[in-house]
Every structure is written in structure tokens, then in C-alpha cells.
Amino acid sequence: VVRDVLVAAEAKLAKAAVENPLLDAEWIVAHVLGKERLKLA
């Protein structure tokens, strides 16, 4: 489920021409879940 959210967030950020969409998606999802970015998987 987390992976699906990351994929969707990355796609939206890429469409908005964000420089590092996957990294930014990871930071956003980690913040929302209250977890460390490296512990999302």
C-alpha cells in the first residue's frame, strides 16, 4: 500500500516538474506516516 502511494505521489510530482519526484514523494509520505524515510519499505 505504501509503495502504491509513493508511485502515485512520484507521478504527480514528476508531472509538476519537481526536480527529484521520488525523493520528495518519500519525504512527504514519511512525514505523513510519522516514520523515517528509510523505513518506509
PDB file of N, CA and C in Angstrom:
ATOM      1  N   VAL A   1       0.830  -1.196   0.000  1.00  0.00           N
ATOM      2  CA  VAL A   1       0.000   0.000   0.000  1.00  0.00           C
ATOM      3  C   VAL A   1       0.872   1.257   0.000  1.00  0.00           C
ATOM      4  N   VAL A   2       1.914   1.262   0.826  1.00  0.00           N
ATOM      5  CA  VAL A   2       2.805   2.426   0.865  1.00  0.00           C
ATOM      6  C   VAL A   2       3.467   2.617  -0.491  1.00  0.00           C
ATOM      7  N   ARG A   3       3.857   1.524  -1.111  1.00  0.00           N
ATOM      8  CA  ARG A   3       4.501   1.609  -2.436  1.00  0.00           C
ATOM      9  C   ARG A   3       3.551   2.232  -3.457  1.00  0.00           C
ATOM     10  N   ASP A   4       2.279   1.866  -3.402  1.00  0.00           N
ATOM     11  CA  ASP A   4       1.293   2.435  -4.325  1.00  0.00           C
ATOM     12  C   ASP A   4       1.162   3.942  -4.131  1.00  0.00           C
ATOM     13  N   VAL A   5       1.165   4.372  -2.886  1.00  0.00           N
ATOM     14  CA  VAL A   5       1.076   5.802  -2.588  1.00  0.00           C
ATOM     15  C   VAL A   5       2.324   6.522  -3.095  1.00  0.00           C
ATOM     16  N   LEU A   6       3.484   5.912  -2.887  1.00  0.00           N
ATOM     17  CA  LEU A   6       4.730   6.518  -3.374  1.00  0.00           C
ATOM     18  C   LEU A   6       4.733   6.656  -4.890  1.00  0.00           C
ATOM     19  N   VAL A   7       4.278   5.625  -5.584  1.00  0.00           N
ATOM     20  CA  VAL A   7       4.237   5.663  -7.052  1.00  0.00           C
ATOM     21  C   VAL A   7       3.307   6.781  -7.525  1.00  0.00           C
ATOM     22  N   ALA A   8       2.136   6.884  -6.898  1.00  0.00           N
ATOM     23  CA  ALA A   8       1.179   7.921  -7.284  1.00  0.00           C
ATOM     24  C   ALA A   8       1.723   9.317  -6.983  1.00  0.00           C
ATOM     25  N   ALA A   9       2.330   9.476  -5.810  1.00  0.00           N
ATOM     26  CA  ALA A   9       2.885  10.776  -5.436  1.00  0.00           C
ATOM     27  C   ALA A   9       4.039  11.158  -6.356  1.00  0.00           C
ATOM     28  N   GLU A  10       4.885  10.190  -6.677  1.00  0.00           N
ATOM     29  CA  GLU A  10       6.004  10.454  -7.589  1.00  0.00           C
ATOM     30  C   GLU A  10       5.487  10.910  -8.952  1.00  0.00           C
ATOM     31  N   ALA A  11       4.451  10.262  -9.447  1.00  0.00           N
ATOM     32  CA  ALA A  11       3.891  10.632 -10.751  1.00  0.00           C
ATOM     33  C   ALA A  11       3.348  12.056 -10.736  1.00  0.00           C
ATOM     34  N   LYS A  12       2.644  12.419  -9.668  1.00  0.00           N
ATOM     35  CA  LYS A  12       2.093  13.776  -9.573  1.00  0.00           C
ATOM     36  C   LYS A  12       3.210  14.819  -9.488  1.00  0.00           C
ATOM     37  N   LEU A  13       4.242  14.508  -8.715  1.00  0.00           N
ATOM     38  CA  LEU A  13       5.352  15.451  -8.586  1.00  0.00           C
ATOM     39  C   LEU A  13       6.135  15.562  -9.892  1.00  0.00           C
ATOM     40  N   ALA A  14       6.313  14.454 -10.587  1.00  0.00           N
ATOM     41  CA  ALA A  14       7.008  14.484 -11.878  1.00  0.00           C
ATOM     42  C   ALA A  14       6.219  15.312 -12.885  1.00  0.00           C
ATOM     43  N   LYS A  15       4.905  15.153 -12.876  1.00  0.00           N
ATOM     44  CA  LYS A  15       4.049  15.922 -13.789  1.00  0.00           C
ATOM     45  C   LYS A  15       4.160  17.421 -13.503  1.00  0.00           C
ATOM     46  N   ALA A  16       4.417  17.751 -12.243  1.00  0.00           N
ATOM     47  CA  ALA A  16       4.571  19.154 -11.849  1.00  0.00           C
ATOM     48  C   ALA A  16       6.010  19.641 -12.033  1.00  0.00           C
ATOM     49  N   ALA A  17       6.847  18.823 -12.674  1.00  0.00           N
ATOM     50  CA  ALA A  17       8.242  19.159 -12.986  1.00  0.00           C
ATOM     51  C   ALA A  17       9.102  19.363 -11.743  1.00  0.00           C
ATOM     52  N   VAL A  18       8.799  18.603 -10.687  1.00  0.00           N
ATOM     53  CA  VAL A  18       9.638  18.632  -9.487  1.00  0.00           C
ATOM     54  C   VAL A  18      10.960  17.951  -9.834  1.00  0.00           C
ATOM     55  N   GLU A  19      12.057  18.507  -9.355  1.00  0.00           N
ATOM     56  CA  GLU A  19      13.387  18.031  -9.745  1.00  0.00           C
ATOM     57  C   GLU A  19      13.660  16.586  -9.321  1.00  0.00           C
ATOM     58  N   ASN A  20      13.285  16.208  -8.116  1.00  0.00           N
ATOM     59  CA  ASN A  20      13.513  14.854  -7.599  1.00  0.00           C
ATOM     60  C   ASN A  20      12.194  14.270  -7.090  1.00  0.00           C
ATOM     61  N   PRO A  21      11.318  13.866  -7.986  1.00  0.00           N
ATOM     62  CA  PRO A  21       9.973  13.473  -7.561  1.00  0.00           C
ATOM     63  C   PRO A  21       9.925  12.271  -6.621  1.00  0.00           C
ATOM     64  N   LEU A  22      10.758  11.266  -6.838  1.00  0.00           N
ATOM     65  CA  LEU A  22      10.712  10.101  -5.952  1.00  0.00           C
ATOM     66  C   LEU A  22      11.192  10.465  -4.553  1.00  0.00           C
ATOM     67  N   LEU A  23      12.291  11.169  -4.470  1.00  0.00           N
ATOM     68  CA  LEU A  23      12.822  11.560  -3.164  1.00  0.00           C
ATOM     69  C   LEU A  23      11.820  12.437  -2.414  1.00  0.00           C
ATOM     70  N   ASP A  24      11.253  13.402  -3.103  1.00  0.00           N
ATOM     71  CA  ASP A  24      10.278  14.279  -2.460  1.00  0.00           C
ATOM     72  C   ASP A  24       9.034  13.504  -2.042  1.00  0.00           C
ATOM     73  N   ALA A  25       8.598  12.566  -2.867  1.00  0.00           N
ATOM     74  CA  ALA A  25       7.447  11.733  -2.508  1.00  0.00           C
ATOM     75  C   ALA A  25       7.750  10.926  -1.253  1.00  0.00           C
ATOM     76  N   GLU A  26       8.958  10.392  -1.166  1.00  0.00           N
ATOM     77  CA  GLU A  26       9.349   9.626   0.023  1.00  0.00           C
ATOM     78  C   GLU A  26       9.322  10.501   1.270  1.00  0.00           C
ATOM     79  N   TRP A  27       9.843  11.715   1.174  1.00  0.00           N
ATOM     80  CA  TRP A  27       9.844  12.620   2.326  1.00  0.00           C
ATOM     81  C   TRP A  27       8.422  12.975   2.749  1.00  0.00           C
ATOM     82  N   ILE A  28       7.554  13.241   1.794  1.00  0.00           N
ATOM     83  CA  ILE A  28       6.170  13.609   2.108  1.00  0.00           C
ATOM     84  C   ILE A  28       5.443  12.448   2.772  1.00  0.00           C
ATOM     85  N   VAL A  29       5.537  11.263   2.189  1.00  0.00           N
ATOM     86  CA  VAL A  29       4.849  10.091   2.737  1.00  0.00           C
ATOM     87  C   VAL A  29       5.403   9.752   4.122  1.00  0.00           C
ATOM     88  N   ALA A  30       6.704   9.820   4.289  1.00  0.00           N
ATOM     89  CA  ALA A  30       7.302   9.547   5.595  1.00  0.00           C
ATOM     90  C   ALA A  30       6.790  10.531   6.643  1.00  0.00           C
ATOM     91  N   HIS A  31       6.696  11.791   6.272  1.00  0.00           N
ATOM     92  CA  HIS A  31       6.197  12.807   7.199  1.00  0.00           C
ATOM     93  C   HIS A  31       4.749  12.520   7.594  1.00  0.00           C
ATOM     94  N   VAL A  32       3.919  12.222   6.616  1.00  0.00           N
ATOM     95  CA  VAL A  32       2.502  11.951   6.882  1.00  0.00           C
ATOM     96  C   VAL A  32       2.336  10.732   7.790  1.00  0.00           C
ATOM     97  N   LEU A  33       3.162   9.711   7.573  1.00  0.00           N
ATOM     98  CA  LEU A  33       3.068   8.484   8.368  1.00  0.00           C
ATOM     99  C   LEU A  33       3.823   8.570   9.693  1.00  0.00           C
ATOM    100  N   GLY A  34       4.612   9.625   9.872  1.00  0.00           N
ATOM    101  CA  GLY A  34       5.384   9.766  11.100  1.00  0.00           C
ATOM    102  C   GLY A  34       6.517   8.764  11.203  1.00  0.00           C
ATOM    103  N   LYS A  35       7.094   8.412  10.050  1.00  0.00           N
ATOM    104  CA  LYS A  35       8.185   7.436  10.013  1.00  0.00           C
ATOM    105  C   LYS A  35       9.424   8.063   9.393  1.00  0.00           C
ATOM    106  N   GLU A  36      10.555   7.379   9.575  1.00  0.00           N
ATOM    107  CA  GLU A  36      11.767   7.794   8.883  1.00  0.00           C
ATOM    108  C   GLU A  36      11.653   7.363   7.425  1.00  0.00           C
ATOM    109  N   ARG A  37      12.181   8.176   6.534  1.00  0.00           N
ATOM    110  CA  ARG A  37      12.081   7.892   5.099  1.00  0.00           C
ATOM    111  C   ARG A  37      12.654   6.525   4.747  1.00  0.00           C
ATOM    112  N   LEU A  38      13.770   6.167   5.350  1.00  0.00           N
ATOM    113  CA  LEU A  38      14.422   4.900   5.018  1.00  0.00           C
ATOM    114  C   LEU A  38      13.679   3.684   5.569  1.00  0.00           C
ATOM    115  N   LYS A  39      12.688   3.905   6.418  1.00  0.00           N
ATOM    116  CA  LYS A  39      11.932   2.792   7.000  1.00  0.00           C
ATOM    117  C   LYS A  39      10.542   2.653   6.386  1.00  0.00           C
ATOM    118  N   LEU A  40      10.335   3.237   5.224  1.00  0.00           N
ATOM    119  CA  LEU A  40       9.028   3.150   4.573  1.00  0.00           C
ATOM    120  C   LEU A  40       8.759   1.764   4.011  1.00  0.00           C
ATOM    121  N   ALA A  41       9.773   1.099   3.502  1.00  0.00           N
ATOM    122  CA  ALA A  41       9.567  -0.194   2.848  1.00  0.00           C
ATOM    123  C   ALA A  41       9.395  -1.313   3.850  1.00  0.00           C
TER     124      ALA A  41
END
